[in-house]
Amino acid sequence: MTVIAIDSLLRSWFDLTRSPMFIVEGTELIEANAYARDHWPDFDDQWSVKELIPGIRLTGEPQQQVEDPLGNAWSLELLQVPQSKYFICHLQPKPDMGEWIQQQQMQQELHNACLHLMQYSSPEDFFFRVVESGLQRLGFDRMALFLIVDNGQNFRGTWGTDDDGEISNEMEFRAAMPDSPWVIDALHRGQPITVWDNFPLRYYGKEVGKGWNAMVPLTHDQGVIGWISVDNLLRRLPMTKAHRQLLVQFGQLVATQLKQHPELLMLP
């Protein structure tokens, strides 16, 4: 299987998404993600994508419906790889239309967030873009990103969100690592996300309301290097399965970028 060179964040999105994705050039199938290789029936990387997916039209038509050789229905999205001749053909199982539209919108916004994170100009700008993407592209009420420092003894802020929903610079924030069992468990039990319901929501230690709070660990070869924190302080919308998946995928994208670009961790 040919593996083309694409940006690390886009590569992570391509590799981690749990639906079939193919990189194509014209009608030729260049590469498939792990999900496609594991689950697509009778996969053969020597085929053209038109042979693999009968009836496909590589025209970028919105909400195109296709079938695999076993008759399973899929919804197609065609996305161009920036500054290249390649396209990503993204297929998702066809659910009911309302759910399909929501999933399409979320995956499109995750793709947009991925591209947005690729354009950072400095470490500070990268972390700002993480929180900005979480609020403006992924649609969460509040988001903050914290890094573990001093050999795991302390943690520090980067950018966060105040109790009015505005992005706030929290670079000066430093504190000892929380010793509460629920935080330790959330960071180190190996789960990609932990969500607490009816939880005290805080801003700089002051309780500003109650709702759900989510923690997404950012993992590295050496272990957990930080986490993303998200809550629903402003609109009190429920945490859905789709939102959980979106946060997990977003956290994996951010962690991959930090792993492949360690200079981003060199904040003042």
Protein backbone atom coordinates (compact mmCIF):
# COMPACT_ATOMS: atom_id res chain seq x y z
CA MET A 1 0.00 0.00 0.00
CA THR A 2 1.35 3.40 -1.00
CA VAL A 3 1.58 5.92 1.82
CA ILE A 4 1.60 9.55 0.68
CA ALA A 5 3.12 12.37 2.67
CA ILE A 6 0.47 14.64 4.18
CA ASP A 7 0.57 16.93 7.21
CA SER A 8 0.79 15.11 10.54
CA LEU A 9 -2.54 16.45 11.84
CA LEU A 10 -4.36 15.49 8.65
CA ARG A 11 -2.62 12.11 8.77
CA SER A 12 -3.87 11.56 12.34
CA TRP A 13 -7.43 12.46 11.36
CA PHE A 14 -7.20 10.07 8.39
CA ASP A 15 -5.73 7.21 10.44
CA LEU A 16 -7.89 7.56 13.54
CA THR A 17 -11.35 8.13 12.05
CA ARG A 18 -13.53 5.08 12.59
CA SER A 19 -15.13 5.02 9.16
CA PRO A 20 -13.69 4.10 5.75
CA MET A 21 -11.45 6.78 4.23
CA PHE A 22 -9.52 6.56 0.98
CA ILE A 23 -6.96 8.87 -0.61
CA VAL A 24 -7.55 9.09 -4.34
CA GLU A 25 -5.90 10.73 -7.32
CA GLY A 26 -8.43 11.11 -10.09
CA THR A 27 -10.16 7.73 -10.00
CA GLU A 28 -7.10 5.83 -8.72
CA LEU A 29 -7.07 4.47 -5.19
CA ILE A 30 -3.80 5.54 -3.53
CA GLU A 31 -4.28 4.70 0.14
CA ALA A 32 -6.89 3.52 2.65
CA ASN A 33 -7.08 4.10 6.39
CA ALA A 34 -6.96 1.29 8.93
CA TYR A 35 -10.74 1.11 9.30
CA ALA A 36 -11.21 0.67 5.56
CA ARG A 37 -8.51 -1.99 5.35
CA ASP A 38 -10.06 -3.91 8.26
CA HIS A 39 -13.74 -3.57 7.37
CA TRP A 40 -14.18 -2.89 3.65
CA PRO A 41 -15.27 -6.12 1.96
CA ASP A 42 -12.78 -7.71 -0.47
CA PHE A 43 -10.41 -4.76 -0.20
CA ASP A 44 -7.75 -4.69 -2.92
CA ASP A 45 -5.41 -1.72 -3.11
CA GLN A 46 -4.75 -2.37 -6.79
CA TRP A 47 -8.28 -1.37 -7.77
CA SER A 48 -9.43 2.04 -8.82
CA VAL A 49 -11.88 3.62 -6.42
CA LYS A 50 -14.58 3.26 -9.10
CA GLU A 51 -14.04 -0.50 -9.04
CA LEU A 52 -14.02 -0.58 -5.24
CA ILE A 53 -17.18 1.52 -4.87
CA PRO A 54 -19.58 0.86 -7.77
CA GLY A 55 -21.53 3.93 -8.81
CA ILE A 56 -19.28 6.46 -7.09
CA ARG A 57 -19.11 9.94 -8.66
CA LEU A 58 -15.94 11.80 -7.73
CA THR A 59 -17.45 15.22 -8.28
CA GLY A 60 -17.69 16.52 -4.73
CA GLU A 61 -21.48 16.30 -4.76
CA PRO A 62 -22.91 16.90 -1.25
CA GLN A 63 -24.66 14.01 0.50
CA GLN A 64 -23.88 11.50 -2.25
CA GLN A 65 -25.11 8.01 -1.40
CA VAL A 66 -23.15 4.93 -2.51
CA GLU A 67 -23.25 1.19 -1.87
CA ASP A 68 -20.46 -1.30 -1.28
CA PRO A 69 -20.43 -4.70 -3.06
CA LEU A 70 -22.48 -6.22 -0.24
CA GLY A 71 -25.22 -3.62 -0.62
CA ASN A 72 -24.44 -1.60 2.53
CA ALA A 73 -25.37 2.09 2.16
CA TRP A 74 -22.77 4.79 2.77
CA SER A 75 -22.75 8.58 2.68
CA LEU A 76 -19.86 10.13 0.76
CA GLU A 77 -17.85 13.28 1.45
CA LEU A 78 -14.97 14.30 -0.82
CA LEU A 79 -12.27 16.56 0.69
CA GLN A 80 -9.19 17.93 -1.04
CA VAL A 81 -5.80 17.47 0.64
CA PRO A 82 -4.41 21.05 0.89
CA GLN A 83 -1.79 21.98 -1.70
CA SER A 84 -1.87 18.62 -3.44
CA LYS A 85 -3.52 16.70 -6.26
CA TYR A 86 -5.10 14.22 -3.85
CA PHE A 87 -8.60 13.95 -2.40
CA ILE A 88 -9.84 12.15 0.70
CA CYS A 89 -12.95 10.10 0.05
CA HIS A 90 -14.73 9.78 3.42
CA LEU A 91 -17.54 7.25 3.75
CA GLN A 92 -19.91 6.95 6.71
CA PRO A 93 -22.71 4.46 7.36
CA LYS A 94 -26.02 5.91 6.30
CA PRO A 95 -28.11 6.52 9.47
CA ASP A 96 -31.33 8.44 9.72
CA MET A 97 -31.06 11.82 8.01
CA GLY A 98 -30.98 13.92 11.18
CA GLU A 99 -28.17 11.89 12.70
CA TRP A 100 -26.36 11.78 9.37
CA ILE A 101 -26.47 15.56 9.01
CA GLN A 102 -25.15 16.03 12.57
CA GLN A 103 -22.32 13.55 12.01
CA GLN A 104 -21.43 15.16 8.68
CA GLN A 105 -21.33 18.59 10.27
CA MET A 106 -19.18 17.41 13.16
CA GLN A 107 -16.70 15.60 10.93
CA GLN A 108 -16.50 18.62 8.63
CA GLU A 109 -15.81 20.90 11.58
CA LEU A 110 -13.18 18.47 12.90
CA HIS A 111 -11.54 18.58 9.48
CA ASN A 112 -11.69 22.40 9.54
CA ALA A 113 -10.20 22.45 13.04
CA CYS A 114 -7.40 20.17 11.86
CA LEU A 115 -6.55 22.56 9.03
CA HIS A 116 -6.77 25.53 11.40
CA LEU A 117 -4.28 23.96 13.84
CA MET A 118 -1.81 23.40 11.00
CA GLN A 119 -1.46 27.16 10.47
CA TYR A 120 0.01 28.15 13.86
CA SER A 121 2.84 30.68 13.96
CA SER A 122 4.16 30.02 17.50
CA PRO A 123 3.51 27.73 20.48
CA GLU A 124 1.27 30.37 22.04
CA ASP A 125 -0.67 30.67 18.80
CA PHE A 126 -1.06 26.88 18.55
CA PHE A 127 -2.68 26.60 22.00
CA PHE A 128 -4.89 29.59 21.24
CA ARG A 129 -6.05 27.83 18.07
CA VAL A 130 -6.84 24.68 20.04
CA VAL A 131 -9.25 26.53 22.33
CA GLU A 132 -10.57 28.72 19.52
CA SER A 133 -11.34 25.60 17.46
CA GLY A 134 -13.08 23.97 20.41
CA LEU A 135 -15.39 26.93 20.86
CA GLN A 136 -15.94 28.30 17.37
CA ARG A 137 -15.61 25.19 15.20
CA LEU A 138 -16.60 22.28 17.43
CA GLY A 139 -19.26 24.26 19.29
CA PHE A 140 -18.40 23.62 22.95
CA ASP A 141 -19.22 26.22 25.63
CA ARG A 142 -15.84 26.36 27.37
CA MET A 143 -12.48 24.70 26.77
CA ALA A 144 -9.05 24.96 28.36
CA LEU A 145 -5.77 23.15 27.77
CA PHE A 146 -3.37 22.42 30.63
CA LEU A 147 0.19 21.04 30.48
CA ILE A 148 1.88 18.92 33.13
CA VAL A 149 5.29 20.36 34.08
CA ASP A 150 8.11 19.97 36.62
CA ASN A 151 8.34 16.19 36.24
CA GLY A 152 4.65 15.76 36.99
CA GLN A 153 4.61 17.84 40.16
CA ASN A 154 2.73 20.84 38.76
CA PHE A 155 0.51 21.89 35.89
CA ARG A 156 0.24 25.15 33.98
CA GLY A 157 -2.33 26.92 31.89
CA THR A 158 -2.17 27.86 28.22
CA TRP A 159 -5.44 29.31 26.91
CA GLY A 160 -8.86 28.80 28.43
CA THR A 161 -12.36 30.25 28.58
CA ASP A 162 -13.79 32.60 31.18
CA ASP A 163 -17.27 32.36 32.71
CA ASP A 164 -18.67 34.57 29.92
CA GLY A 165 -17.40 32.22 27.21
CA GLU A 166 -14.53 34.47 26.10
CA ILE A 167 -11.09 33.01 25.34
CA SER A 168 -8.66 33.95 28.09
CA ASN A 169 -4.86 33.92 28.32
CA GLU A 170 -3.95 31.61 31.21
CA MET A 171 -0.21 31.32 30.52
CA GLU A 172 0.64 32.67 33.97
CA PHE A 173 -1.40 30.07 35.83
CA ARG A 174 0.62 27.48 37.79
CA ALA A 175 -0.52 25.02 40.48
CA ALA A 176 0.39 21.73 42.10
CA MET A 177 -1.11 18.68 40.44
CA PRO A 178 -4.53 17.87 41.95
CA ASP A 179 -4.32 15.02 44.45
CA SER A 180 -8.01 14.10 44.22
CA PRO A 181 -8.55 10.44 43.24
CA TRP A 182 -11.03 11.29 40.46
CA VAL A 183 -8.47 13.49 38.63
CA ILE A 184 -5.69 10.93 39.03
CA ASP A 185 -8.01 8.20 37.79
CA ALA A 186 -9.16 10.25 34.78
CA LEU A 187 -5.59 11.00 33.71
CA HIS A 188 -3.99 7.62 34.26
CA ARG A 189 -6.54 4.84 33.85
CA GLY A 190 -6.08 4.83 30.08
CA GLN A 191 -9.55 6.07 29.11
CA PRO A 192 -9.64 8.58 26.22
CA ILE A 193 -12.26 10.74 27.98
CA THR A 194 -13.92 11.06 31.38
CA VAL A 195 -17.18 12.97 31.88
CA TRP A 196 -18.73 13.98 35.21
CA ASP A 197 -22.37 15.05 35.33
CA ASN A 198 -23.90 17.62 37.70
CA PHE A 199 -20.38 18.74 38.54
CA PRO A 200 -19.17 22.06 40.05
CA LEU A 201 -17.80 24.17 37.19
CA ARG A 202 -15.03 26.60 38.10
CA TYR A 203 -13.03 29.51 36.78
CA TYR A 204 -9.73 30.11 38.59
CA GLY A 205 -10.97 28.04 41.51
CA LYS A 206 -14.27 29.89 41.95
CA GLU A 207 -17.44 27.89 41.35
CA VAL A 208 -19.47 29.55 38.58
CA GLY A 209 -22.17 26.93 38.03
CA LYS A 210 -22.90 23.24 37.63
CA GLY A 211 -23.09 20.97 34.61
CA TRP A 212 -21.05 18.28 32.92
CA ASN A 213 -17.28 18.50 32.83
CA ALA A 214 -15.09 16.45 30.49
CA MET A 215 -11.37 15.69 30.74
CA VAL A 216 -9.43 14.42 27.72
CA PRO A 217 -5.86 13.30 28.56
CA LEU A 218 -3.13 14.22 26.09
CA THR A 219 -0.78 11.27 25.91
CA HIS A 220 2.85 11.06 24.78
CA ASP A 221 5.42 8.28 24.67
CA GLN A 222 6.38 9.13 28.25
CA GLY A 223 2.77 9.20 29.46
CA VAL A 224 0.24 11.97 29.99
CA ILE A 225 1.61 15.45 29.20
CA GLY A 226 -1.57 17.46 29.80
CA TRP A 227 -5.29 17.50 29.27
CA ILE A 228 -8.15 19.32 27.62
CA SER A 229 -11.02 20.35 29.89
CA VAL A 230 -14.49 21.10 28.50
CA ASP A 231 -17.84 21.96 30.11
CA ASN A 232 -21.35 23.19 29.29
CA LEU A 233 -21.57 26.22 31.60
CA LEU A 234 -23.25 28.58 29.14
CA ARG A 235 -25.95 26.69 27.23
CA ARG A 236 -26.32 23.62 29.46
CA LEU A 237 -26.58 21.32 26.43
CA PRO A 238 -26.30 17.58 27.21
CA MET A 239 -23.19 15.57 26.41
CA THR A 240 -24.05 13.19 23.57
CA LYS A 241 -22.25 10.13 22.26
CA ALA A 242 -21.33 12.13 19.15
CA HIS A 243 -19.82 14.91 21.29
CA ARG A 244 -17.76 12.36 23.22
CA GLN A 245 -16.39 10.92 20.00
CA LEU A 246 -15.67 14.40 18.65
CA LEU A 247 -13.72 15.36 21.78
CA VAL A 248 -11.72 12.12 21.73
CA GLN A 249 -10.76 12.62 18.09
CA PHE A 250 -9.88 16.26 18.70
CA GLY A 251 -7.72 15.32 21.70
CA GLN A 252 -5.91 12.71 19.59
CA LEU A 253 -5.19 15.32 16.92
CA VAL A 254 -3.78 17.75 19.49
CA ALA A 255 -1.69 15.04 21.20
CA THR A 256 -0.26 13.91 17.86
CA GLN A 257 0.78 17.44 16.98
CA LEU A 258 2.47 17.90 20.37
CA LYS A 259 4.27 14.57 19.97
CA GLN A 260 5.54 15.35 16.48
CA HIS A 261 6.41 18.96 17.27
CA PRO A 262 7.91 18.97 20.79
CA GLU A 263 8.96 22.61 20.36
CA LEU A 264 5.31 23.48 20.99
CA LEU A 265 5.83 22.52 24.63
CA MET A 266 8.59 25.15 25.02
CA LEU A 267 6.33 27.86 26.37
CA PRO A 268 7.85 30.67 28.43
